[in-house]
Amino acid sequence: MVVLLGSPDFSIETSVHSPVAFAYSLSILYLVSSFISVLSDGLQASHLICRQCGHEVAHTDDLVHIPSSLALRQRNDTIQSKDKTIVQLFQNPEGKYFEVITFSKAEVLKADKPHKEDTWFPGFSWSIIICPTCGVHMGWFFESFDSDYHTGEKKSFYGLILSHLVHQEYADSLIIAPKSYVS
């Protein structure tokens, strides 16, 4: 006999070679691996997804701090445990307002050619970017006018519209199992 689980109130005793012991061992192994998976997911970057279709747009590890002197207002916010994320309010020439957060990388498509006029970030041209899955406007791709003297590369970043994004964890929390009715 081998005691597989023991406590003052509960224990299971069974033979090492029995199907019950094997099934019980597998279930304990599954629970432990699930717990480790949940812990490791918490350590990974959080995903921001398109509010319209759920396409994974950006990771919080790619957030960058790029302030603009042309922002109407700036505030620091916490985006999925990333403290002091700068959220900037801009107004376009048509009078529409956008709260924008900046990223070094994003999974989006450029919808048009670069424009130098009416830029919110001096020294940077902008192009509209869209979600590759549903085509909704996600923000702008900003690229420096001039190449870096040492590397020859242009600096670039993405300005994503905060209201067009949702946290993956929040979206997952909206999916609930249906209620079961007891008669």
N, C-alpha and C. Protein backbone atom coordinates (compact mmCIF):
# COMPACT_ATOMS: atom_id res chain seq x y z
N MET A 1 0.83 -1.18 0.00
CA MET A 1 0.00 0.00 0.00
C MET A 1 0.88 1.25 0.00
N VAL A 2 0.42 2.26 -0.76
CA VAL A 2 1.12 3.53 -0.82
C VAL A 2 0.10 4.62 -0.55
N VAL A 3 0.42 5.57 0.32
CA VAL A 3 -0.47 6.69 0.58
C VAL A 3 -0.15 7.77 -0.43
N LEU A 4 -1.12 8.08 -1.31
CA LEU A 4 -0.91 9.09 -2.35
C LEU A 4 -1.21 10.49 -1.85
N LEU A 5 -2.20 10.63 -1.06
CA LEU A 5 -2.56 11.94 -0.54
C LEU A 5 -2.97 11.72 0.90
N GLY A 6 -2.38 12.45 1.78
CA GLY A 6 -2.73 12.25 3.17
C GLY A 6 -2.89 13.55 3.91
N SER A 7 -3.87 13.61 4.72
CA SER A 7 -4.09 14.73 5.62
C SER A 7 -4.82 14.15 6.81
N PRO A 8 -4.94 14.87 7.88
CA PRO A 8 -5.66 14.32 9.03
C PRO A 8 -7.10 13.92 8.69
N ASP A 9 -7.71 14.60 7.71
CA ASP A 9 -9.11 14.34 7.40
C ASP A 9 -9.31 13.44 6.19
N PHE A 10 -8.30 13.32 5.32
CA PHE A 10 -8.53 12.64 4.05
C PHE A 10 -7.25 11.96 3.58
N SER A 11 -7.35 10.73 3.15
CA SER A 11 -6.21 10.07 2.52
C SER A 11 -6.73 9.00 1.58
N ILE A 12 -5.93 8.73 0.55
CA ILE A 12 -6.25 7.68 -0.40
C ILE A 12 -5.11 6.69 -0.33
N GLU A 13 -5.43 5.44 -0.07
CA GLU A 13 -4.43 4.40 -0.06
C GLU A 13 -4.74 3.45 -1.18
N THR A 14 -3.72 3.12 -1.97
CA THR A 14 -3.94 2.20 -3.07
C THR A 14 -2.63 1.54 -3.45
N SER A 15 -2.71 0.55 -4.24
CA SER A 15 -1.54 -0.16 -4.73
C SER A 15 -0.85 0.68 -5.79
N VAL A 16 0.48 0.58 -5.89
CA VAL A 16 1.27 1.35 -6.84
C VAL A 16 0.83 1.05 -8.28
N HIS A 17 0.44 -0.16 -8.56
CA HIS A 17 0.13 -0.59 -9.91
C HIS A 17 -1.35 -0.47 -10.26
N SER A 18 -2.15 0.10 -9.42
CA SER A 18 -3.58 0.15 -9.71
C SER A 18 -3.92 1.30 -10.65
N PRO A 19 -4.98 1.16 -11.43
CA PRO A 19 -5.43 2.24 -12.32
C PRO A 19 -5.82 3.51 -11.56
N VAL A 20 -6.32 3.35 -10.35
CA VAL A 20 -6.70 4.52 -9.54
C VAL A 20 -5.47 5.35 -9.20
N ALA A 21 -4.39 4.70 -8.83
CA ALA A 21 -3.16 5.41 -8.49
C ALA A 21 -2.61 6.13 -9.71
N PHE A 22 -2.64 5.47 -10.85
CA PHE A 22 -2.14 6.07 -12.08
C PHE A 22 -2.98 7.30 -12.47
N ALA A 23 -4.29 7.16 -12.44
CA ALA A 23 -5.19 8.27 -12.80
C ALA A 23 -5.03 9.42 -11.82
N TYR A 24 -4.90 9.10 -10.54
CA TYR A 24 -4.73 10.12 -9.54
C TYR A 24 -3.41 10.87 -9.75
N SER A 25 -2.34 10.14 -10.06
CA SER A 25 -1.05 10.77 -10.30
C SER A 25 -1.11 11.70 -11.50
N LEU A 26 -1.79 11.26 -12.56
CA LEU A 26 -1.94 12.11 -13.74
C LEU A 26 -2.72 13.38 -13.43
N SER A 27 -3.77 13.25 -12.63
CA SER A 27 -4.57 14.44 -12.31
C SER A 27 -3.77 15.44 -11.47
N ILE A 28 -2.96 14.95 -10.55
CA ILE A 28 -2.11 15.84 -9.75
C ILE A 28 -1.08 16.52 -10.65
N LEU A 29 -0.47 15.74 -11.56
CA LEU A 29 0.50 16.30 -12.49
C LEU A 29 -0.14 17.39 -13.36
N TYR A 30 -1.37 17.15 -13.83
CA TYR A 30 -2.08 18.14 -14.64
C TYR A 30 -2.34 19.42 -13.85
N LEU A 31 -2.78 19.28 -12.61
CA LEU A 31 -3.05 20.46 -11.78
C LEU A 31 -1.79 21.27 -11.53
N VAL A 32 -0.68 20.60 -11.25
CA VAL A 32 0.59 21.29 -11.00
C VAL A 32 1.05 22.01 -12.27
N SER A 33 0.98 21.33 -13.42
CA SER A 33 1.41 21.96 -14.67
C SER A 33 0.51 23.14 -15.03
N SER A 34 -0.79 23.04 -14.77
CA SER A 34 -1.70 24.16 -15.03
C SER A 34 -1.36 25.35 -14.15
N PHE A 35 -1.06 25.08 -12.89
CA PHE A 35 -0.70 26.15 -11.96
C PHE A 35 0.58 26.84 -12.41
N ILE A 36 1.59 26.06 -12.83
CA ILE A 36 2.85 26.64 -13.32
C ILE A 36 2.60 27.45 -14.57
N SER A 37 1.73 26.98 -15.46
CA SER A 37 1.41 27.71 -16.69
C SER A 37 0.77 29.05 -16.38
N VAL A 38 -0.14 29.08 -15.41
CA VAL A 38 -0.79 30.33 -15.03
C VAL A 38 0.24 31.30 -14.46
N LEU A 39 1.15 30.80 -13.63
CA LEU A 39 2.19 31.67 -13.07
C LEU A 39 3.10 32.22 -14.16
N SER A 40 3.51 31.39 -15.10
CA SER A 40 4.41 31.86 -16.15
C SER A 40 3.70 32.83 -17.09
N ASP A 41 2.39 32.65 -17.33
CA ASP A 41 1.65 33.59 -18.16
C ASP A 41 1.64 34.97 -17.51
N GLY A 42 1.59 35.01 -16.20
CA GLY A 42 1.60 36.28 -15.51
C GLY A 42 2.91 37.02 -15.65
N LEU A 43 4.00 36.29 -15.94
CA LEU A 43 5.30 36.90 -16.08
C LEU A 43 5.57 37.37 -17.51
N GLN A 44 4.77 36.92 -18.47
CA GLN A 44 4.97 37.29 -19.85
C GLN A 44 4.34 38.64 -20.14
N ALA A 45 4.69 39.18 -21.30
CA ALA A 45 4.13 40.46 -21.72
C ALA A 45 2.63 40.34 -21.90
N SER A 46 1.92 41.38 -21.59
CA SER A 46 0.49 41.42 -21.81
C SER A 46 0.20 41.82 -23.24
N HIS A 47 -0.83 41.25 -23.79
CA HIS A 47 -1.21 41.54 -25.15
C HIS A 47 -2.30 42.60 -25.18
N LEU A 48 -2.18 43.51 -26.13
CA LEU A 48 -3.25 44.45 -26.42
C LEU A 48 -3.83 44.04 -27.76
N ILE A 49 -5.15 43.93 -27.82
CA ILE A 49 -5.80 43.42 -29.02
C ILE A 49 -6.74 44.47 -29.60
N CYS A 50 -7.07 44.29 -30.88
CA CYS A 50 -8.01 45.17 -31.56
C CYS A 50 -9.38 45.02 -30.90
N ARG A 51 -9.98 46.12 -30.53
CA ARG A 51 -11.29 46.09 -29.88
C ARG A 51 -12.36 45.56 -30.83
N GLN A 52 -12.17 45.74 -32.13
CA GLN A 52 -13.16 45.34 -33.12
C GLN A 52 -13.16 43.83 -33.36
N CYS A 53 -11.96 43.24 -33.55
CA CYS A 53 -11.92 41.83 -33.98
C CYS A 53 -11.11 40.91 -33.08
N GLY A 54 -10.30 41.46 -32.17
CA GLY A 54 -9.50 40.62 -31.28
C GLY A 54 -8.11 40.27 -31.79
N HIS A 55 -7.71 40.86 -32.92
CA HIS A 55 -6.36 40.61 -33.45
C HIS A 55 -5.33 41.14 -32.46
N GLU A 56 -4.28 40.36 -32.21
CA GLU A 56 -3.21 40.77 -31.30
C GLU A 56 -2.38 41.87 -31.97
N VAL A 57 -2.45 43.09 -31.43
CA VAL A 57 -1.82 44.25 -32.06
C VAL A 57 -0.45 44.55 -31.47
N ALA A 58 -0.32 44.52 -30.15
CA ALA A 58 0.93 44.94 -29.52
C ALA A 58 1.11 44.24 -28.18
N HIS A 59 2.34 44.30 -27.68
CA HIS A 59 2.70 43.77 -26.36
C HIS A 59 3.11 44.94 -25.47
N THR A 60 2.79 44.86 -24.22
CA THR A 60 3.15 45.95 -23.31
C THR A 60 4.66 46.09 -23.14
N ASP A 61 5.42 45.03 -23.42
CA ASP A 61 6.89 45.14 -23.37
C ASP A 61 7.42 46.10 -24.43
N ASP A 62 6.62 46.37 -25.46
CA ASP A 62 7.05 47.24 -26.55
C ASP A 62 6.59 48.69 -26.37
N LEU A 63 5.99 49.01 -25.23
CA LEU A 63 5.62 50.40 -24.95
C LEU A 63 6.89 51.25 -24.87
N VAL A 64 6.87 52.43 -25.49
CA VAL A 64 7.99 53.36 -25.42
C VAL A 64 7.49 54.73 -24.99
N HIS A 65 8.34 55.48 -24.36
CA HIS A 65 8.01 56.80 -23.83
C HIS A 65 8.49 57.85 -24.84
N ILE A 66 7.57 58.36 -25.67
CA ILE A 66 7.92 59.37 -26.66
C ILE A 66 6.95 60.55 -26.51
N PRO A 67 7.33 61.52 -25.70
CA PRO A 67 6.44 62.66 -25.50
C PRO A 67 6.49 63.63 -26.70
N SER A 68 5.39 64.34 -26.90
CA SER A 68 5.32 65.33 -27.95
C SER A 68 4.96 66.69 -27.35
N SER A 69 5.64 67.72 -27.82
CA SER A 69 5.33 69.08 -27.36
C SER A 69 4.00 69.56 -27.94
N LEU A 70 3.47 68.85 -28.93
CA LEU A 70 2.22 69.25 -29.57
C LEU A 70 0.98 68.58 -28.98
N ALA A 71 1.17 67.75 -27.98
CA ALA A 71 0.03 67.10 -27.32
C ALA A 71 -0.78 68.15 -26.56
N LEU A 72 -2.08 68.04 -26.65
CA LEU A 72 -2.96 68.96 -25.92
C LEU A 72 -2.90 68.69 -24.42
N ARG A 73 -2.70 67.40 -24.10
CA ARG A 73 -2.62 67.00 -22.69
C ARG A 73 -1.85 65.69 -22.63
N GLN A 74 -1.11 65.49 -21.55
CA GLN A 74 -0.39 64.24 -21.31
C GLN A 74 -0.70 63.78 -19.90
N ARG A 75 -0.81 62.46 -19.76
CA ARG A 75 -0.99 61.90 -18.42
C ARG A 75 -0.24 60.58 -18.36
N ASN A 76 0.15 60.22 -17.16
CA ASN A 76 0.77 58.91 -16.94
C ASN A 76 -0.31 57.96 -16.47
N ASP A 77 -0.30 56.76 -17.01
CA ASP A 77 -1.30 55.76 -16.67
C ASP A 77 -0.59 54.42 -16.51
N THR A 78 -1.28 53.46 -15.94
CA THR A 78 -0.76 52.11 -15.84
C THR A 78 -1.48 51.26 -16.87
N ILE A 79 -0.72 50.71 -17.80
CA ILE A 79 -1.28 49.83 -18.83
C ILE A 79 -0.75 48.43 -18.55
N GLN A 80 -1.63 47.56 -18.03
CA GLN A 80 -1.26 46.18 -17.72
C GLN A 80 0.05 46.09 -16.96
N SER A 81 0.12 46.69 -15.84
CA SER A 81 1.25 46.69 -14.91
C SER A 81 2.46 47.48 -15.39
N LYS A 82 2.35 48.21 -16.48
CA LYS A 82 3.43 49.09 -16.94
C LYS A 82 3.12 50.49 -16.42
N ASP A 83 3.75 50.84 -15.29
CA ASP A 83 3.52 52.14 -14.67
C ASP A 83 4.08 53.26 -15.53
N LYS A 84 3.53 54.43 -15.34
CA LYS A 84 3.99 55.66 -15.98
C LYS A 84 4.03 55.56 -17.51
N THR A 85 3.02 54.91 -18.06
CA THR A 85 2.84 54.89 -19.51
C THR A 85 2.25 56.23 -19.91
N ILE A 86 2.89 56.91 -20.85
CA ILE A 86 2.43 58.23 -21.25
C ILE A 86 1.27 58.09 -22.23
N VAL A 87 0.15 58.72 -21.89
CA VAL A 87 -1.04 58.77 -22.75
C VAL A 87 -1.18 60.23 -23.15
N GLN A 88 -1.18 60.49 -24.47
CA GLN A 88 -1.21 61.86 -24.98
C GLN A 88 -2.49 62.10 -25.76
N LEU A 89 -3.06 63.27 -25.58
CA LEU A 89 -4.27 63.66 -26.29
C LEU A 89 -3.88 64.57 -27.45
N PHE A 90 -4.33 64.20 -28.65
CA PHE A 90 -4.07 64.98 -29.86
C PHE A 90 -5.39 65.30 -30.55
N GLN A 91 -5.37 66.36 -31.37
CA GLN A 91 -6.52 66.73 -32.18
C GLN A 91 -6.06 66.80 -33.63
N ASN A 92 -6.80 66.14 -34.53
CA ASN A 92 -6.43 66.19 -35.95
C ASN A 92 -7.05 67.43 -36.60
N PRO A 93 -6.68 67.77 -37.85
CA PRO A 93 -7.21 68.97 -38.51
C PRO A 93 -8.74 68.99 -38.65
N GLU A 94 -9.37 67.81 -38.64
CA GLU A 94 -10.84 67.75 -38.72
C GLU A 94 -11.52 67.98 -37.37
N GLY A 95 -10.73 68.13 -36.31
CA GLY A 95 -11.29 68.40 -34.99
C GLY A 95 -11.53 67.16 -34.14
N LYS A 96 -11.13 65.98 -34.61
CA LYS A 96 -11.32 64.76 -33.82
C LYS A 96 -10.17 64.61 -32.83
N TYR A 97 -10.51 64.11 -31.64
CA TYR A 97 -9.52 63.90 -30.57
C TYR A 97 -9.15 62.43 -30.47
N PHE A 98 -7.88 62.18 -30.16
CA PHE A 98 -7.37 60.82 -30.01
C PHE A 98 -6.42 60.76 -28.83
N GLU A 99 -6.62 59.77 -27.95
CA GLU A 99 -5.64 59.47 -26.92
C GLU A 99 -4.72 58.41 -27.50
N VAL A 100 -3.41 58.69 -27.48
CA VAL A 100 -2.43 57.86 -28.16
C VAL A 100 -1.37 57.36 -27.19
N ILE A 101 -1.00 56.08 -27.32
CA ILE A 101 0.14 55.51 -26.61
C ILE A 101 1.13 55.02 -27.66
N THR A 102 2.42 55.06 -27.33
CA THR A 102 3.45 54.78 -28.32
C THR A 102 4.15 53.45 -28.07
N PHE A 103 4.45 52.75 -29.17
CA PHE A 103 5.06 51.42 -29.15
C PHE A 103 6.22 51.37 -30.13
N SER A 104 7.20 50.54 -29.82
CA SER A 104 8.31 50.34 -30.75
C SER A 104 7.93 49.35 -31.85
N LYS A 105 6.99 48.45 -31.58
CA LYS A 105 6.53 47.46 -32.56
C LYS A 105 5.03 47.30 -32.44
N ALA A 106 4.40 46.93 -33.57
CA ALA A 106 2.97 46.63 -33.59
C ALA A 106 2.66 45.76 -34.80
N GLU A 107 1.67 44.90 -34.66
CA GLU A 107 1.24 44.02 -35.75
C GLU A 107 0.08 44.69 -36.48
N VAL A 108 0.43 45.59 -37.39
CA VAL A 108 -0.56 46.37 -38.14
C VAL A 108 -0.09 46.51 -39.58
N LEU A 109 -0.92 47.10 -40.43
CA LEU A 109 -0.57 47.38 -41.82
C LEU A 109 -0.59 48.88 -42.05
N LYS A 110 0.36 49.37 -42.86
CA LYS A 110 0.34 50.78 -43.26
C LYS A 110 -0.68 50.93 -44.38
N ALA A 111 -1.55 51.93 -44.24
CA ALA A 111 -2.64 52.10 -45.20
C ALA A 111 -2.34 53.15 -46.26
N ASP A 112 -1.36 53.98 -46.04
CA ASP A 112 -1.07 55.03 -47.03
C ASP A 112 0.40 55.42 -46.98
N LYS A 113 0.77 56.35 -47.86
CA LYS A 113 2.15 56.82 -47.92
C LYS A 113 2.42 57.81 -46.78
N PRO A 114 3.70 58.05 -46.46
CA PRO A 114 4.03 58.98 -45.37
C PRO A 114 3.65 60.43 -45.70
N HIS A 115 3.19 61.13 -44.67
CA HIS A 115 2.83 62.55 -44.79
C HIS A 115 3.71 63.36 -43.83
N LYS A 116 4.22 64.49 -44.30
CA LYS A 116 5.05 65.33 -43.44
C LYS A 116 4.25 66.47 -42.81
N GLU A 117 3.13 66.83 -43.41
CA GLU A 117 2.34 67.95 -42.89
C GLU A 117 1.45 67.47 -41.73
N ASP A 118 1.13 68.40 -40.86
CA ASP A 118 0.22 68.16 -39.73
C ASP A 118 0.70 67.02 -38.81
N THR A 119 1.99 66.88 -38.63
CA THR A 119 2.50 65.81 -37.76
C THR A 119 2.41 66.23 -36.30
N TRP A 120 2.15 65.28 -35.43
CA TRP A 120 2.09 65.53 -33.99
C TRP A 120 3.46 65.38 -33.34
N PHE A 121 4.41 64.78 -34.07
CA PHE A 121 5.75 64.59 -33.55
C PHE A 121 6.73 65.28 -34.49
N PRO A 122 7.20 66.48 -34.12
CA PRO A 122 8.10 67.23 -35.00
C PRO A 122 9.31 66.39 -35.42
N GLY A 123 9.63 66.44 -36.73
CA GLY A 123 10.73 65.67 -37.28
C GLY A 123 10.33 64.28 -37.75
N PHE A 124 9.05 63.93 -37.61
CA PHE A 124 8.56 62.61 -38.00
C PHE A 124 7.41 62.74 -39.00
N SER A 125 7.45 61.92 -40.05
CA SER A 125 6.31 61.81 -40.96
C SER A 125 5.36 60.76 -40.38
N TRP A 126 4.13 60.72 -40.88
CA TRP A 126 3.16 59.77 -40.36
C TRP A 126 2.43 59.07 -41.51
N SER A 127 2.01 57.84 -41.23
CA SER A 127 1.17 57.05 -42.13
C SER A 127 0.08 56.42 -41.28
N ILE A 128 -1.11 56.34 -41.83
CA ILE A 128 -2.21 55.68 -41.13
C ILE A 128 -1.93 54.18 -41.09
N ILE A 129 -2.23 53.56 -39.94
CA ILE A 129 -2.09 52.11 -39.81
C ILE A 129 -3.45 51.51 -39.48
N ILE A 130 -3.66 50.29 -39.97
CA ILE A 130 -4.93 49.61 -39.77
C ILE A 130 -4.70 48.21 -39.23
N CYS A 131 -5.74 47.64 -38.67
CA CYS A 131 -5.71 46.25 -38.21
C CYS A 131 -5.66 45.35 -39.45
N PRO A 132 -4.73 44.40 -39.50
CA PRO A 132 -4.64 43.54 -40.68
C PRO A 132 -5.80 42.56 -40.82
N THR A 133 -6.57 42.36 -39.77
CA THR A 133 -7.68 41.41 -39.83
C THR A 133 -8.99 42.08 -40.23
N CYS A 134 -9.33 43.19 -39.58
CA CYS A 134 -10.64 43.81 -39.85
C CYS A 134 -10.56 45.16 -40.55
N GLY A 135 -9.37 45.75 -40.64
CA GLY A 135 -9.20 47.00 -41.37
C GLY A 135 -9.56 48.26 -40.60
N VAL A 136 -9.83 48.15 -39.30
CA VAL A 136 -10.16 49.34 -38.51
C VAL A 136 -8.90 50.19 -38.31
N HIS A 137 -9.08 51.50 -38.25
CA HIS A 137 -7.98 52.44 -38.04
C HIS A 137 -7.43 52.24 -36.63
N MET A 138 -6.13 51.87 -36.53
CA MET A 138 -5.51 51.61 -35.23
C MET A 138 -4.65 52.76 -34.75
N GLY A 139 -4.22 53.66 -35.67
CA GLY A 139 -3.36 54.76 -35.27
C GLY A 139 -2.45 55.18 -36.41
N TRP A 140 -1.17 55.47 -36.06
CA TRP A 140 -0.23 56.01 -37.04
C TRP A 140 1.15 55.41 -36.84
N PHE A 141 1.87 55.26 -37.95
CA PHE A 141 3.27 54.88 -37.93
C PHE A 141 4.07 56.15 -38.14
N PHE A 142 5.00 56.45 -37.24
CA PHE A 142 5.82 57.65 -37.32
C PHE A 142 7.26 57.26 -37.66
N GLU A 143 7.83 57.97 -38.64
CA GLU A 143 9.20 57.70 -39.07
C GLU A 143 9.94 59.02 -39.21
N SER A 144 11.18 59.05 -38.72
CA SER A 144 11.96 60.30 -38.75
C SER A 144 12.23 60.73 -40.19
N PHE A 145 12.29 62.05 -40.41
CA PHE A 145 12.59 62.60 -41.74
C PHE A 145 13.98 62.18 -42.19
N ASP A 146 14.92 62.23 -41.26
CA ASP A 146 16.33 61.98 -41.59
C ASP A 146 16.82 60.68 -40.98
N SER A 147 17.81 60.10 -41.61
CA SER A 147 18.44 58.88 -41.09
C SER A 147 19.41 59.24 -39.97
N ASP A 148 19.62 58.29 -39.07
CA ASP A 148 20.59 58.46 -38.00
C ASP A 148 21.99 58.57 -38.60
N TYR A 149 22.78 59.50 -38.13
CA TYR A 149 24.11 59.76 -38.68
C TYR A 149 25.02 58.53 -38.59
N HIS A 150 24.94 57.81 -37.46
CA HIS A 150 25.85 56.68 -37.23
C HIS A 150 25.37 55.39 -37.89
N THR A 151 24.07 55.11 -37.81
CA THR A 151 23.57 53.82 -38.30
C THR A 151 22.98 53.90 -39.71
N GLY A 152 22.59 55.08 -40.14
CA GLY A 152 21.95 55.23 -41.45
C GLY A 152 20.48 54.83 -41.45
N GLU A 153 19.96 54.44 -40.28
CA GLU A 153 18.56 54.01 -40.17
C GLU A 153 17.68 55.16 -39.70
N LYS A 154 16.43 55.10 -40.10
CA LYS A 154 15.46 56.09 -39.63
C LYS A 154 14.83 55.59 -38.33
N LYS A 155 14.61 56.50 -37.40
CA LYS A 155 13.92 56.15 -36.17
C LYS A 155 12.43 56.06 -36.48
N SER A 156 11.76 55.12 -35.81
CA SER A 156 10.32 54.97 -36.05
C SER A 156 9.64 54.43 -34.80
N PHE A 157 8.33 54.63 -34.74
CA PHE A 157 7.50 54.11 -33.67
C PHE A 157 6.04 54.14 -34.12
N TYR A 158 5.20 53.51 -33.32
CA TYR A 158 3.77 53.43 -33.61
C TYR A 158 3.00 54.21 -32.56
N GLY A 159 2.04 55.00 -32.98
CA GLY A 159 1.13 55.68 -32.08
C GLY A 159 -0.23 55.01 -32.21
N LEU A 160 -0.62 54.24 -31.19
CA LEU A 160 -1.88 53.51 -31.25
C LEU A 160 -2.96 54.24 -30.47
N ILE A 161 -4.16 54.21 -31.02
CA ILE A 161 -5.31 54.87 -30.39
C ILE A 161 -5.78 54.01 -29.22
N LEU A 162 -5.72 54.56 -28.03
CA LEU A 162 -6.02 53.82 -26.82
C LEU A 162 -7.42 53.21 -26.85
N SER A 163 -8.41 53.96 -27.31
CA SER A 163 -9.79 53.47 -27.30
C SER A 163 -10.04 52.36 -28.32
N HIS A 164 -9.10 52.11 -29.24
CA HIS A 164 -9.26 51.05 -30.22
C HIS A 164 -8.59 49.75 -29.77
N LEU A 165 -8.03 49.76 -28.56
CA LEU A 165 -7.35 48.60 -28.00
C LEU A 165 -8.06 48.11 -26.75
N VAL A 166 -7.90 46.84 -26.47
CA VAL A 166 -8.39 46.28 -25.23
C VAL A 166 -7.35 45.26 -24.76
N HIS A 167 -7.23 45.08 -23.45
CA HIS A 167 -6.29 44.12 -22.89
C HIS A 167 -6.80 42.71 -23.13
N GLN A 168 -5.91 41.81 -23.50
CA GLN A 168 -6.27 40.41 -23.72
C GLN A 168 -6.94 39.82 -22.47
N GLU A 169 -6.40 40.13 -21.28
CA GLU A 169 -6.94 39.58 -20.04
C GLU A 169 -8.37 40.07 -19.81
N TYR A 170 -8.64 41.34 -20.16
CA TYR A 170 -9.99 41.87 -20.01
C TYR A 170 -10.95 41.15 -20.97
N ALA A 171 -10.52 40.98 -22.21
CA ALA A 171 -11.37 40.29 -23.19
C ALA A 171 -11.65 38.86 -22.73
N ASP A 172 -10.63 38.19 -22.20
CA ASP A 172 -10.82 36.82 -21.71
C ASP A 172 -11.80 36.78 -20.55
N SER A 173 -11.82 37.82 -19.73
CA SER A 173 -12.73 37.83 -18.58
C SER A 173 -14.18 38.01 -18.99
N LEU A 174 -14.41 38.50 -20.20
CA LEU A 174 -15.78 38.70 -20.69
C LEU A 174 -16.42 37.39 -21.15
N ILE A 175 -15.58 36.41 -21.43
CA ILE A 175 -16.08 35.13 -21.89
C ILE A 175 -16.36 34.30 -20.64
N ILE A 176 -17.65 34.03 -20.42
CA ILE A 176 -18.03 33.28 -19.23
C ILE A 176 -18.83 32.07 -19.63
N ALA A 177 -18.80 31.09 -18.77
CA ALA A 177 -19.59 29.89 -19.02
C ALA A 177 -21.06 30.20 -18.75
N PRO A 178 -21.96 29.60 -19.52
CA PRO A 178 -23.38 29.86 -19.28
C PRO A 178 -23.80 29.34 -17.92
N LYS A 179 -24.79 30.00 -17.37
CA LYS A 179 -25.32 29.57 -16.07
C LYS A 179 -26.01 28.22 -16.23
N SER A 180 -25.86 27.40 -15.23
CA SER A 180 -26.60 26.13 -15.26
C SER A 180 -27.79 26.28 -14.32
N TYR A 181 -28.89 25.85 -14.81
CA TYR A 181 -30.12 25.96 -14.03
C TYR A 181 -30.44 24.62 -13.38
N VAL A 182 -30.72 24.66 -12.11
CA VAL A 182 -31.06 23.46 -11.37
C VAL A 182 -32.56 23.44 -11.19
N SER A 183 -33.17 22.32 -11.54
CA SER A 183 -34.63 22.24 -11.39
C SER A 183 -35.00 21.37 -10.24
